[in-house]
Amino acid sequence: MRMIDGKPVVDTGKPVTVHITPTDCARGSKKDPEKCAVALALKRVTRCDQSRVHLGCTYLRFGNKWLRYATSPSLKAEIISFDRGGGFYPGDFRLHPMPPALRLKPAKQKSGEKRSRRAANAAKRVKTEKKKGEPRVLHRVLGVRERATAVT
């Protein structure tokens, strides 16, 4: 089992949307996963005890466990720009559950211990839940060159 600071890490099953404000961008520290603009916004929005934002994954600590999310490509681009000395533009970003291929492996079963049929089947299938009616969060990258237009 993966641990951070002696607390277990578990993959989450639900996405979370974070709204990053200009205040978060101004207060954030470059190259610091715990004090960057995103980490500050996540603590404010989710009321988690601690947050760590990395390029590949994001961790939120609630009590005695860490929840692991996949860092979205648009958020990753903003983090790279911010860490390299550019600006971080405010906006809405969504953190998704880790894709099935990157999920943490469940703890190994002890020898002689049987799993119930229900638990065995649940371990085999991976459910990705998408709530109906939930709006898709799109982030437009600002402060960059224009998109190319088709020439006819």
Protein backbone atom coordinates (compact mmCIF):
# COMPACT_ATOMS: atom_id res chain seq x y z
CA MET A 1 0.00 0.00 0.00
CA ARG A 2 1.28 3.44 -0.90
CA MET A 3 1.76 5.84 2.01
CA ILE A 4 2.49 9.57 2.40
CA ASP A 5 3.63 10.74 5.84
CA GLY A 6 2.46 7.42 7.30
CA LYS A 7 -1.08 7.82 5.94
CA PRO A 8 -2.54 5.55 3.21
CA VAL A 9 -3.15 6.77 -0.34
CA VAL A 10 -6.36 5.67 -2.08
CA ASP A 11 -7.61 6.41 -5.58
CA THR A 12 -10.78 8.46 -5.64
CA GLY A 13 -13.83 7.61 -7.71
CA LYS A 14 -15.32 11.10 -8.10
CA PRO A 15 -14.03 14.15 -9.97
CA VAL A 16 -13.59 17.49 -8.24
CA THR A 17 -13.82 20.95 -9.82
CA VAL A 18 -11.58 23.70 -8.49
CA HIS A 19 -12.02 27.43 -9.15
CA ILE A 20 -8.68 29.23 -9.08
CA THR A 21 -8.97 32.94 -8.31
CA PRO A 22 -6.52 35.79 -9.03
CA THR A 23 -5.77 35.84 -5.28
CA ASP A 24 -4.69 32.18 -5.42
CA CYS A 25 -2.43 33.00 -8.38
CA ALA A 26 -0.83 35.93 -6.56
CA ARG A 27 -0.28 34.01 -3.29
CA GLY A 28 1.03 30.81 -4.91
CA SER A 29 4.70 29.81 -4.75
CA LYS A 30 6.55 28.48 -7.78
CA LYS A 31 7.86 24.90 -7.80
CA ASP A 32 6.17 24.07 -4.48
CA PRO A 33 3.50 21.33 -4.70
CA GLU A 34 1.99 22.32 -1.33
CA LYS A 35 1.90 26.10 -1.78
CA CYS A 36 1.22 26.63 -5.49
CA ALA A 37 -1.90 28.44 -6.69
CA VAL A 38 -3.74 25.15 -7.31
CA ALA A 39 -2.91 23.72 -3.88
CA LEU A 40 -4.16 26.88 -2.18
CA ALA A 41 -7.38 26.84 -4.23
CA LEU A 42 -7.97 23.14 -3.49
CA LYS A 43 -7.64 23.73 0.26
CA ARG A 44 -10.14 26.58 0.01
CA VAL A 45 -12.66 24.80 -2.23
CA THR A 46 -12.57 21.25 -0.79
CA ARG A 47 -11.68 22.19 2.80
CA CYS A 48 -9.08 19.41 2.82
CA ASP A 49 -6.42 19.31 5.52
CA GLN A 50 -3.52 19.35 3.06
CA SER A 51 -2.99 19.27 -0.71
CA ARG A 52 -0.07 18.42 -2.97
CA VAL A 53 -0.25 19.14 -6.68
CA HIS A 54 2.19 17.43 -9.04
CA LEU A 55 2.29 17.26 -12.84
CA GLY A 56 0.91 13.71 -13.02
CA CYS A 57 -1.28 13.44 -9.95
CA THR A 58 -2.78 15.51 -7.16
CA TYR A 59 -3.19 14.41 -3.54
CA LEU A 60 -5.75 15.72 -1.05
CA ARG A 61 -5.54 14.71 2.61
CA PHE A 62 -8.77 14.37 4.55
CA GLY A 63 -8.11 13.16 8.10
CA ASN A 64 -5.99 10.02 8.05
CA LYS A 65 -5.99 9.27 4.31
CA TRP A 66 -4.85 10.83 1.05
CA LEU A 67 -7.11 10.85 -2.02
CA ARG A 68 -5.33 10.65 -5.37
CA TYR A 69 -6.57 12.40 -8.53
CA ALA A 70 -5.18 12.69 -12.06
CA THR A 71 -3.92 16.18 -12.89
CA SER A 72 -5.66 17.31 -16.09
CA PRO A 73 -3.57 18.27 -19.14
CA SER A 74 -4.80 21.89 -19.07
CA LEU A 75 -3.87 22.21 -15.41
CA LYS A 76 -0.49 20.60 -16.09
CA ALA A 77 0.19 23.21 -18.80
CA GLU A 78 -0.65 26.06 -16.39
CA ILE A 79 1.59 24.56 -13.69
CA ILE A 80 4.52 24.28 -16.12
CA SER A 81 4.04 27.88 -17.24
CA PHE A 82 3.81 29.08 -13.63
CA ASP A 83 6.88 27.14 -12.48
CA ARG A 84 8.92 28.48 -15.41
CA GLY A 85 8.22 32.08 -14.43
CA GLY A 86 5.13 32.78 -16.51
CA GLY A 87 1.72 33.64 -15.18
CA PHE A 88 -1.03 31.39 -13.91
CA TYR A 89 -4.38 32.38 -15.33
CA PRO A 90 -7.39 31.87 -13.06
CA GLY A 91 -10.24 29.64 -14.09
CA ASP A 92 -12.09 26.39 -13.48
CA PHE A 93 -10.26 23.08 -13.67
CA ARG A 94 -11.44 19.54 -13.07
CA LEU A 95 -9.42 16.80 -11.40
CA HIS A 96 -10.51 13.35 -12.53
CA PRO A 97 -10.08 9.90 -10.98
CA MET A 98 -6.94 8.10 -12.13
CA PRO A 99 -7.43 6.07 -15.32
CA PRO A 100 -7.75 2.31 -14.72
CA ALA A 101 -4.26 1.55 -16.03
CA LEU A 102 -2.68 3.93 -13.49
CA ARG A 103 -4.72 3.03 -10.41
CA LEU A 104 -3.01 1.75 -7.32
CA LYS A 105 -3.00 -2.01 -6.95
CA PRO A 106 -5.14 -3.34 -4.08
CA ALA A 107 -3.35 -4.80 -1.08
CA LYS A 108 -2.35 -8.43 -1.55
CA GLN A 109 -4.62 -11.01 -0.04
CA LYS A 110 -3.10 -12.97 2.83
CA SER A 111 -2.61 -16.66 2.19
CA GLY A 112 -5.54 -18.78 3.32
CA GLU A 113 -7.86 -15.77 3.29
CA LYS A 114 -10.88 -15.97 0.98
CA ARG A 115 -12.55 -13.02 -0.66
CA SER A 116 -16.28 -13.02 -1.10
CA ARG A 117 -17.62 -13.40 -4.64
CA ARG A 118 -18.95 -9.85 -4.46
CA ALA A 119 -15.54 -8.45 -3.45
CA ALA A 120 -13.79 -10.47 -6.16
CA ASN A 121 -16.17 -9.21 -8.85
CA ALA A 122 -15.89 -5.62 -7.62
CA ALA A 123 -12.11 -5.84 -7.87
CA LYS A 124 -12.36 -7.03 -11.47
CA ARG A 125 -14.53 -4.29 -12.85
CA VAL A 126 -13.75 -0.63 -12.86
CA LYS A 127 -16.66 1.74 -12.86
CA THR A 128 -16.34 5.24 -14.17
CA GLU A 129 -19.32 7.21 -13.04
CA LYS A 130 -20.42 10.22 -15.00
CA LYS A 131 -23.30 12.11 -13.53
CA LYS A 132 -25.97 13.09 -16.00
CA GLY A 133 -26.58 16.78 -16.29
CA GLU A 134 -23.19 17.70 -14.84
CA PRO A 135 -21.63 20.37 -17.07
CA ARG A 136 -18.30 19.67 -18.68
CA VAL A 137 -15.53 21.94 -17.43
CA LEU A 138 -13.46 23.35 -20.26
CA HIS A 139 -10.44 25.53 -19.69
CA ARG A 140 -9.17 27.84 -22.41
CA VAL A 141 -5.49 28.63 -22.20
CA LEU A 142 -5.08 32.41 -22.19
CA GLY A 143 -2.06 34.61 -22.80
CA VAL A 144 -0.66 32.50 -25.64
CA ARG A 145 -0.37 32.87 -29.44
CA GLU A 146 -3.43 32.73 -31.65
CA ARG A 147 -4.70 29.45 -33.05
CA ALA A 148 -3.99 28.82 -36.72
CA THR A 149 -6.94 29.29 -39.01
CA ALA A 150 -7.56 27.21 -42.10
CA VAL A 151 -6.48 28.97 -45.29
CA THR A 152 -8.73 28.33 -48.29
